[in-house]
Amino acid sequence: MFEILKEIKNRWNDSQCIIIYNDYNKRNEVHMVIPSQNVNPEHIQTFRKNGGPIICTVSDAFGKYIGLPTMDVVYKAIASRYIPISIMNQNFDSRIYQDNFSLSISHVDTINGITDKDRTNTINAIGDFADSFKSKRENKYKFSERFAENFYIPGHIPLITAKLNLLQSKVSITELSLALCEITDQAPSTTFSALLNPKTNNYLSRTDVEKYARSNNIPFIDAKSIINLWRSIKKINKAKIVLPEKAD
């Protein structure tokens, strides 16, 4: 079990992606994942070619530390002024809809935030801030102020905040990837993109993604393995991991 963790750590330290497969939902999601600090333009190009959106994650603690709002909170605040948002909020169900999407941002030094280079600059900067947060080198106010001065909104990189306590609260690609960051000593920010099948217009099947991983020499790990590794290293009782039903 720990051999795959060593492989992932080496892979990430070498600025290479891994593949995470999450079958604890009805979609059987599969994503290419890398710590945000290690992203380069070639990764962004690969993500684009595979067809999935490019998403950047940060920990719940990071988001709260700098006062990063989730979009459901923002929309609720303005719902009375906009009829579509008001109606959508009335139908909001956090069990179905994402309640951890935050701002979309671009770094202030980017040209338009769209190019592979610009997206890389934005993502690397987010990873650097996550690294600073991990070591707590600045007080909360100065850190929040510096973060705000380095990005503009809206931008071309969507941010998602993980749930508090990670896999004790939710099992999604966000929490799974940040759990791996914790146990490989990476900063709490990852970037990922879905692996999609151009023939079915859906996620790759597990069989197909295992073939893809083997042919491209990319480490592949499923949700159950991540949960077991994280729980073992963090010494968390199995009963504290509340798993959703696996997909059919």
Protein backbone atom coordinates (compact mmCIF):
# COMPACT_ATOMS: atom_id res chain seq x y z
CA MET A 1 0.00 0.00 0.00
CA PHE A 2 2.79 2.42 0.87
CA GLU A 3 4.68 1.72 -2.36
CA ILE A 4 2.12 3.66 -4.39
CA LEU A 5 2.41 6.57 -1.93
CA LYS A 6 6.17 6.66 -2.44
CA GLU A 7 5.64 6.59 -6.19
CA ILE A 8 3.16 9.48 -6.00
CA LYS A 9 5.48 11.53 -3.80
CA ASN A 10 8.39 11.03 -6.19
CA ARG A 11 6.16 11.80 -9.16
CA TRP A 12 4.88 15.02 -7.64
CA ASN A 13 8.35 16.09 -6.52
CA ASP A 14 9.39 15.61 -10.14
CA SER A 15 6.51 17.89 -11.29
CA GLN A 16 4.52 15.08 -12.88
CA CYS A 17 0.81 14.25 -12.73
CA ILE A 18 -0.93 11.27 -11.18
CA ILE A 19 -4.41 9.87 -11.88
CA ILE A 20 -7.11 9.64 -9.21
CA TYR A 21 -10.22 7.52 -9.74
CA ASN A 22 -13.23 8.20 -7.52
CA ASP A 23 -16.00 5.63 -7.67
CA TYR A 24 -17.75 6.96 -4.55
CA ASN A 25 -20.27 8.86 -6.66
CA LYS A 26 -22.61 8.16 -9.53
CA ARG A 27 -20.21 9.54 -12.12
CA ASN A 28 -17.08 7.40 -11.56
CA GLU A 29 -14.87 10.48 -11.86
CA VAL A 30 -11.28 10.23 -13.04
CA HIS A 31 -8.83 13.13 -12.98
CA MET A 32 -5.22 13.99 -13.65
CA VAL A 33 -3.87 15.74 -10.55
CA ILE A 34 -0.74 17.68 -9.58
CA PRO A 35 0.22 20.07 -6.75
CA SER A 36 -0.39 23.64 -7.91
CA GLN A 37 3.19 24.74 -7.26
CA ASN A 38 4.43 22.13 -9.73
CA VAL A 39 2.16 22.96 -12.68
CA ASN A 40 3.80 24.00 -15.96
CA PRO A 41 2.37 25.03 -19.37
CA GLU A 42 2.71 21.47 -20.70
CA HIS A 43 0.34 20.25 -17.96
CA ILE A 44 -2.22 22.90 -18.91
CA GLN A 45 -1.96 21.88 -22.55
CA THR A 46 -2.50 18.20 -21.62
CA PHE A 47 -5.49 19.12 -19.46
CA ARG A 48 -7.07 21.05 -22.31
CA LYS A 49 -6.57 18.20 -24.76
CA ASN A 50 -8.19 15.72 -22.39
CA GLY A 51 -11.31 17.85 -22.40
CA GLY A 52 -12.01 18.49 -18.73
CA PRO A 53 -12.14 21.87 -16.98
CA ILE A 54 -9.01 23.03 -15.20
CA ILE A 55 -9.77 23.40 -11.48
CA CYS A 56 -7.54 24.59 -8.64
CA THR A 57 -8.18 23.54 -5.04
CA VAL A 58 -7.27 25.01 -1.67
CA SER A 59 -7.94 23.73 1.82
CA ASP A 60 -10.91 24.85 3.89
CA ALA A 61 -8.48 26.28 6.45
CA PHE A 62 -6.72 28.32 3.75
CA GLY A 63 -10.03 29.71 2.48
CA LYS A 64 -11.20 30.69 5.95
CA TYR A 65 -7.83 32.22 6.84
CA ILE A 66 -7.98 34.74 4.00
CA GLY A 67 -11.77 35.14 4.01
CA LEU A 68 -12.33 33.44 0.66
CA PRO A 69 -16.10 33.18 0.07
CA THR A 70 -17.86 30.26 -1.58
CA MET A 71 -20.13 31.25 -4.45
CA ASP A 72 -23.31 29.99 -2.79
CA VAL A 73 -22.71 32.58 -0.05
CA VAL A 74 -22.07 35.31 -2.64
CA TYR A 75 -25.21 34.42 -4.59
CA LYS A 76 -27.37 34.35 -1.48
CA ALA A 77 -26.17 37.85 -0.64
CA ILE A 78 -27.35 39.23 -3.99
CA ALA A 79 -30.31 36.92 -4.65
CA SER A 80 -32.96 39.54 -3.83
CA ARG A 81 -31.67 41.71 -6.71
CA TYR A 82 -31.63 39.04 -9.43
CA ILE A 83 -34.63 36.81 -10.16
CA PRO A 84 -32.76 33.83 -11.73
CA ILE A 85 -30.31 33.66 -8.80
CA SER A 86 -33.18 33.95 -6.32
CA ILE A 87 -34.99 31.00 -7.90
CA MET A 88 -31.80 28.94 -8.17
CA ASN A 89 -31.05 29.56 -4.49
CA GLN A 90 -34.50 28.35 -3.51
CA ASN A 91 -33.78 25.10 -5.34
CA PHE A 92 -30.24 24.77 -3.97
CA ASP A 93 -29.42 21.39 -2.43
CA SER A 94 -25.83 21.00 -1.23
CA ARG A 95 -26.15 17.22 -1.56
CA ILE A 96 -26.57 17.67 -5.31
CA TYR A 97 -24.98 21.00 -6.18
CA GLN A 98 -21.46 22.17 -5.47
CA ASP A 99 -21.34 24.39 -2.40
CA ASN A 100 -17.56 24.67 -2.33
CA PHE A 101 -16.92 26.60 -5.55
CA SER A 102 -15.24 29.89 -4.72
CA LEU A 103 -13.99 32.79 -6.83
CA SER A 104 -12.47 32.46 -10.28
CA ILE A 105 -9.20 34.37 -10.40
CA SER A 106 -6.24 35.32 -12.58
CA HIS A 107 -2.87 36.61 -11.45
CA VAL A 108 -2.33 40.34 -11.87
CA ASP A 109 0.78 39.76 -14.00
CA THR A 110 -1.07 37.76 -16.63
CA ILE A 111 -1.99 39.31 -20.00
CA ASN A 112 -5.54 37.99 -20.21
CA GLY A 113 -5.36 34.88 -18.01
CA ILE A 114 -6.28 32.51 -20.85
CA THR A 115 -3.04 31.19 -22.34
CA ASP A 116 -1.29 28.10 -20.98
CA LYS A 117 1.48 30.34 -19.66
CA ASP A 118 -0.97 32.73 -17.97
CA ARG A 119 -2.93 29.91 -16.35
CA THR A 120 0.32 28.38 -15.15
CA ASN A 121 1.39 31.67 -13.57
CA THR A 122 -1.95 31.97 -11.77
CA ILE A 123 -1.92 28.38 -10.53
CA ASN A 124 1.71 28.53 -9.39
CA ALA A 125 0.96 31.72 -7.46
CA ILE A 126 -1.99 30.03 -5.73
CA GLY A 127 0.30 27.12 -4.82
CA ASP A 128 2.92 29.51 -3.45
CA PHE A 129 0.29 31.17 -1.26
CA ALA A 130 -0.84 27.76 -0.04
CA ASP A 131 2.78 26.97 0.82
CA SER A 132 3.08 30.26 2.75
CA PHE A 133 -0.14 29.44 4.57
CA LYS A 134 1.17 26.00 5.49
CA SER A 135 4.22 27.53 7.19
CA LYS A 136 2.27 30.54 8.58
CA ARG A 137 5.00 33.01 7.67
CA GLU A 138 2.61 35.99 7.78
CA ASN A 139 -0.20 37.13 10.04
CA LYS A 140 -3.75 36.72 8.81
CA TYR A 141 -4.40 40.31 7.75
CA LYS A 142 -1.16 40.80 5.82
CA PHE A 143 -1.55 37.41 4.15
CA SER A 144 -5.14 38.15 3.07
CA GLU A 145 -4.17 41.60 1.82
CA ARG A 146 -1.24 40.28 -0.20
CA PHE A 147 -3.42 37.53 -1.71
CA ALA A 148 -6.03 40.10 -2.78
CA GLU A 149 -3.37 42.33 -4.31
CA ASN A 150 -1.98 39.48 -6.44
CA PHE A 151 -5.18 38.35 -8.17
CA TYR A 152 -8.15 39.86 -9.97
CA ILE A 153 -11.72 38.62 -10.34
CA PRO A 154 -13.34 37.18 -12.28
CA GLY A 155 -10.49 35.22 -13.81
CA HIS A 156 -9.79 32.01 -15.69
CA ILE A 157 -8.92 29.64 -12.85
CA PRO A 158 -11.89 28.46 -10.73
CA LEU A 159 -11.06 27.85 -7.08
CA ILE A 160 -12.67 25.09 -5.04
CA THR A 161 -12.30 24.87 -1.27
CA ALA A 162 -12.14 21.43 0.33
CA LYS A 163 -14.43 20.49 3.19
CA LEU A 164 -13.16 20.84 6.74
CA ASN A 165 -11.48 17.63 7.95
CA LEU A 166 -11.25 16.45 4.35
CA LEU A 167 -12.26 12.79 4.01
CA GLN A 168 -14.06 12.80 7.33
CA SER A 169 -16.55 15.19 5.73
CA LYS A 170 -16.71 14.38 2.02
CA VAL A 171 -15.16 12.10 -0.58
CA SER A 172 -14.63 14.04 -3.79
CA ILE A 173 -11.62 14.70 -6.00
CA THR A 174 -11.00 17.90 -4.02
CA GLU A 175 -10.71 16.19 -0.64
CA LEU A 176 -8.92 13.14 -2.06
CA SER A 177 -6.22 15.24 -3.74
CA LEU A 178 -5.62 17.42 -0.67
CA ALA A 179 -5.50 14.34 1.56
CA LEU A 180 -2.65 13.12 -0.64
CA CYS A 181 -0.97 16.52 -0.24
CA GLU A 182 -1.11 16.12 3.53
CA ILE A 183 0.58 12.73 3.54
CA THR A 184 3.19 13.61 0.90
CA ASP A 185 4.13 16.92 2.55
CA GLN A 186 2.91 19.13 -0.31
CA ALA A 187 1.36 22.58 0.06
CA PRO A 188 -2.47 22.39 0.40
CA SER A 189 -3.37 23.20 -3.20
CA THR A 190 -3.80 20.90 -6.18
CA THR A 191 -4.81 21.41 -9.77
CA PHE A 192 -6.75 18.80 -11.70
CA SER A 193 -8.64 18.10 -14.89
CA ALA A 194 -11.03 15.30 -15.81
CA LEU A 195 -10.04 12.54 -18.20
CA LEU A 196 -12.87 12.30 -20.72
CA ASN A 197 -13.72 9.76 -23.39
CA PRO A 198 -14.24 11.49 -26.77
CA LYS A 199 -16.32 8.56 -28.01
CA THR A 200 -18.82 8.41 -25.12
CA ASN A 201 -18.58 12.10 -24.10
CA ASN A 202 -18.25 10.92 -20.51
CA TYR A 203 -15.48 10.04 -18.06
CA LEU A 204 -13.11 7.27 -19.05
CA SER A 205 -14.11 3.91 -17.61
CA ARG A 206 -11.89 2.35 -14.98
CA THR A 207 -10.62 -0.20 -17.51
CA ASP A 208 -9.79 2.53 -20.01
CA VAL A 209 -8.12 4.76 -17.47
CA GLU A 210 -5.95 1.91 -16.21
CA LYS A 211 -4.85 1.30 -19.80
CA TYR A 212 -4.20 5.04 -20.23
CA ALA A 213 -2.16 5.12 -17.02
CA ARG A 214 -0.07 2.12 -18.04
CA SER A 215 0.57 3.34 -21.58
CA ASN A 216 1.62 6.78 -20.33
CA ASN A 217 3.48 5.50 -17.25
CA ILE A 218 1.34 7.55 -14.86
CA PRO A 219 0.62 6.35 -11.29
CA PHE A 220 -3.04 5.43 -10.80
CA ILE A 221 -4.77 5.38 -7.41
CA ASP A 222 -8.41 4.94 -6.45
CA ALA A 223 -10.42 6.60 -3.68
CA LYS A 224 -10.39 3.59 -1.37
CA SER A 225 -6.59 3.41 -1.44
CA ILE A 226 -6.26 7.13 -0.69
CA ILE A 227 -8.72 6.84 2.20
CA ASN A 228 -6.84 3.90 3.68
CA LEU A 229 -3.46 5.61 3.35
CA TRP A 230 -4.67 8.91 4.78
CA ARG A 231 -6.50 7.25 7.65
CA SER A 232 -3.52 5.04 8.50
CA ILE A 233 -0.93 7.84 8.45
CA LYS A 234 -3.17 10.38 10.21
CA LYS A 235 -4.32 7.68 12.67
CA ILE A 236 -8.01 8.34 12.09
CA ASN A 237 -10.56 5.78 13.19
CA LYS A 238 -12.32 4.08 10.29
CA ALA A 239 -15.71 4.95 11.80
CA LYS A 240 -14.94 8.67 11.29
CA ILE A 241 -14.83 8.25 7.51
CA VAL A 242 -18.42 8.58 6.30
CA LEU A 243 -18.48 7.14 2.81
CA PRO A 244 -21.18 7.74 0.24
CA GLU A 245 -22.48 4.76 -1.68
CA LYS A 246 -20.27 3.53 -4.47
CA ALA A 247 -21.45 3.97 -8.01
CA ASP A 248 -23.19 1.03 -9.65
